[in-house]
Each structure stands twice: as structure tokens, then as C-alpha cells.
Amino acid sequence: RCSSPSTPSGILSPVGPGGSDSHLQWEERQGQWLRRRRLDGAINRVPMGFYQKVWKILQKCHGLSIDGYVLPSSTTREMTEGEIKFAVHVESVLEPRPQPEYRQLLVEAVMVLTLVADVDVDNIGGIILIDRIVHMANDLFLQDQVSLSQNGP
């Protein structure tokens, strides 16, 4: 099975010929990740300290954009990082996703971005397109899977 970034429900779908035991093990392992992402996304689970980390990112850029919904950096001047109102505001940008596993990938991408916010840098750019980062990562993953299936056993 192959997926395009425009169909996020297919993210992490294996590519290449089936039949080998290692391929079946790979599919089972990926199926576990997909189930976990679906579950975490469906119940809106986020890692500990997620909203505080988003707040720190927003202090270093102009905003975060997900599928056209923008969380502006001005939010950090209107709310504190620990306010429930801030968490609700962040969720309003994450929530409109029809696929819970896609929502979870967006959360994971934001968590990776928080590593940049932890670096002693004042500014990391304008509006950061989180959905584009996820789609580019998916493209790289699919290219990697195609090359593995061509060079594999």
C-alpha cells in the first residue's frame, strides 16, 4: 500500500512487495504504531508539559499553522503557559482533524519542534507550517520505503 500526503490516514503505510516474514513483522509493528496513534489522537492525549512547550515555541516565532488554522504568537501575551484557556486555544487548532492518527502526528511534530525552542535562540522564524512538516516527513518516509523495497531481499 502506498499513501500520498494528502491522505493522512495512510501515513506509515508500508510500501513494497509482501510475503516475507520480516515484512509481515514490519507491518505488524507499524499496525501497532497506527493503533496507538489512533487511540492517542482520539482521546486528545498529549505528552506531559505539551502546552507549556507550545507556549515557548510561540515566543520564538510568529505562530504555528496547521491546515490553515493559525495559533499566533500574540497568544503568549494574552495568556500564561499554564492557563487552561491557553490549552483550549491550542486544542482548537489541533481538534478539527478528521483522522485521530493525523492529529497525533501533528502533536509529535510539535514535540520535535520544541527541541528547537529549547535551544538558546531568540527567533526561529515566521509562521511555522506544522502540517507541511508532517507531510514532508511522510514523503521522506515513503521514499525510504520505496528504496528499501527496491534494494531489499
Protein backbone atom coordinates (compact mmCIF):
# COMPACT_ATOMS: atom_id res chain seq x y z
CA ARG A 1 0.00 0.00 0.00
CA CYS A 2 1.15 3.48 -0.77
CA SER A 3 -0.05 6.80 0.53
CA SER A 4 0.16 10.38 -0.54
CA PRO A 5 0.49 13.21 1.97
CA SER A 6 -2.98 14.38 1.02
CA THR A 7 -4.40 11.23 2.60
CA PRO A 8 -3.07 11.35 6.16
CA SER A 9 -4.93 8.21 7.19
CA GLY A 10 -2.44 6.29 5.04
CA ILE A 11 0.62 7.75 6.75
CA LEU A 12 3.02 5.00 7.77
CA SER A 13 1.53 2.53 5.31
CA PRO A 14 4.12 0.03 4.11
CA VAL A 15 5.26 0.13 0.52
CA GLY A 16 6.65 -2.74 -1.46
CA PRO A 17 6.02 -6.40 -2.14
CA GLY A 18 4.65 -8.55 0.69
CA GLY A 19 5.34 -12.14 1.52
CA SER A 20 8.49 -12.22 3.61
CA ASP A 21 8.39 -12.85 7.36
CA SER A 22 10.34 -9.69 8.07
CA HIS A 23 7.86 -7.68 6.01
CA LEU A 24 4.94 -9.18 7.96
CA GLN A 25 6.67 -8.36 11.25
CA TRP A 26 7.27 -4.83 9.98
CA GLU A 27 3.58 -4.48 9.05
CA GLU A 28 2.51 -5.76 12.47
CA ARG A 29 4.85 -3.32 14.23
CA GLN A 30 3.57 -0.43 12.09
CA GLY A 31 0.00 -1.54 12.76
CA GLN A 32 0.71 -1.22 16.48
CA TRP A 33 2.02 2.33 15.98
CA LEU A 34 -1.03 3.20 13.88
CA ARG A 35 -3.39 1.83 16.55
CA ARG A 36 -1.54 3.74 19.27
CA ARG A 37 -1.62 6.97 17.26
CA ARG A 38 -5.34 6.50 16.57
CA LEU A 39 -6.04 5.94 20.25
CA ASP A 40 -3.89 8.83 21.47
CA GLY A 41 -5.34 11.14 18.83
CA ALA A 42 -8.93 10.06 19.51
CA ILE A 43 -8.67 10.82 23.22
CA ASN A 44 -6.68 14.02 22.60
CA ARG A 45 -3.71 12.74 24.56
CA VAL A 46 -0.64 14.95 24.60
CA PRO A 47 2.72 14.48 26.32
CA MET A 48 3.35 15.94 29.76
CA GLY A 49 4.16 19.65 29.52
CA PHE A 50 2.95 19.86 25.90
CA TYR A 51 1.07 23.16 26.22
CA GLN A 52 3.92 24.83 28.10
CA LYS A 53 6.29 23.76 25.32
CA VAL A 54 3.93 25.14 22.67
CA TRP A 55 3.90 28.42 24.58
CA LYS A 56 7.73 28.52 24.48
CA ILE A 57 7.73 27.86 20.73
CA LEU A 58 5.25 30.68 20.19
CA GLN A 59 7.60 33.06 21.99
CA LYS A 60 10.25 32.34 19.33
CA CYS A 61 8.18 32.52 16.13
CA HIS A 62 5.20 34.38 14.67
CA GLY A 63 2.84 31.45 15.04
CA LEU A 64 2.06 27.83 14.29
CA SER A 65 -0.16 26.88 11.37
CA ILE A 66 -1.98 23.58 10.97
CA ASP A 67 -4.07 23.12 7.83
CA GLY A 68 -4.79 26.85 7.63
CA TYR A 69 -5.61 27.28 11.32
CA VAL A 70 -3.07 29.63 12.89
CA LEU A 71 -2.08 29.84 16.52
CA PRO A 72 -0.50 33.31 16.65
CA SER A 73 2.44 34.22 18.86
CA SER A 74 0.35 37.06 20.30
CA THR A 75 -1.42 34.35 22.31
CA THR A 76 1.55 34.32 24.69
CA ARG A 77 0.86 37.96 25.56
CA GLU A 78 -2.81 37.25 26.24
CA MET A 79 -2.46 34.07 28.31
CA THR A 80 0.07 32.35 30.52
CA GLU A 81 1.58 28.99 29.63
CA GLY A 82 -0.25 27.20 32.45
CA GLU A 83 -3.73 28.57 31.81
CA ILE A 84 -6.44 26.12 30.85
CA LYS A 85 -7.65 28.79 28.42
CA PHE A 86 -4.31 28.51 26.59
CA ALA A 87 -4.58 24.69 26.38
CA VAL A 88 -8.11 25.06 24.99
CA HIS A 89 -6.82 27.55 22.43
CA VAL A 90 -4.09 25.13 21.31
CA GLU A 91 -6.66 22.32 21.10
CA SER A 92 -8.89 24.50 18.92
CA VAL A 93 -6.11 24.41 16.31
CA LEU A 94 -5.43 20.67 16.69
CA GLU A 95 -9.00 19.46 17.06
CA PRO A 96 -10.59 19.89 13.60
CA ARG A 97 -8.68 16.86 12.22
CA PRO A 98 -10.95 14.06 10.96
CA GLN A 99 -8.27 11.38 11.46
CA PRO A 100 -7.05 10.96 15.05
CA GLU A 101 -3.76 9.41 13.90
CA TYR A 102 -3.05 12.54 11.83
CA ARG A 103 -3.75 14.71 14.88
CA GLN A 104 -1.27 12.61 16.83
CA LEU A 105 1.38 13.04 14.14
CA LEU A 106 0.85 16.80 14.38
CA VAL A 107 1.35 16.61 18.16
CA GLU A 108 4.54 14.59 17.62
CA ALA A 109 5.82 17.13 15.09
CA VAL A 110 5.20 19.95 17.55
CA MET A 111 7.11 18.00 20.20
CA VAL A 112 10.08 17.68 17.85
CA LEU A 113 9.85 21.40 17.19
CA THR A 114 10.04 22.03 20.95
CA LEU A 115 13.62 20.77 20.83
CA VAL A 116 14.41 23.83 18.73
CA ALA A 117 12.66 26.08 21.25
CA ASP A 118 14.90 24.67 23.99
CA VAL A 119 17.99 25.94 22.15
CA ASP A 120 19.18 29.38 23.18
CA VAL A 121 17.89 31.14 20.03
CA ASP A 122 15.70 34.23 20.13
CA ASN A 123 13.81 33.67 16.86
CA ILE A 124 13.11 30.50 14.86
CA GLY A 125 11.14 32.11 12.04
CA GLY A 126 7.77 33.37 10.93
CA ILE A 127 4.68 31.20 10.92
CA ILE A 128 5.74 27.55 11.10
CA LEU A 129 3.62 25.21 8.96
CA ILE A 130 3.33 22.10 11.14
CA ASP A 131 1.17 20.21 8.64
CA ARG A 132 3.78 20.79 5.94
CA ILE A 133 6.48 19.34 8.22
CA VAL A 134 4.35 16.21 8.75
CA HIS A 135 3.67 15.85 5.02
CA MET A 136 7.37 16.30 4.16
CA ALA A 137 8.30 13.69 6.78
CA ASN A 138 5.72 11.34 5.26
CA ASP A 139 7.19 11.91 1.77
CA LEU A 140 10.67 11.12 3.08
CA PHE A 141 9.34 8.01 4.81
CA LEU A 142 7.64 6.79 1.63
CA GLN A 143 10.77 7.45 -0.47
CA ASP A 144 12.80 5.49 2.08
CA GLN A 145 10.34 2.59 1.93
CA VAL A 146 10.41 2.53 -1.86
CA SER A 147 14.22 2.49 -1.89
CA LEU A 148 14.26 -0.28 0.73
CA SER A 149 11.82 -2.38 -1.28
CA GLN A 150 13.95 -1.89 -4.43
CA ASN A 151 17.21 -2.74 -2.66
CA GLY A 152 15.74 -5.34 -0.29
CA PRO A 153 15.81 -9.13 -0.41
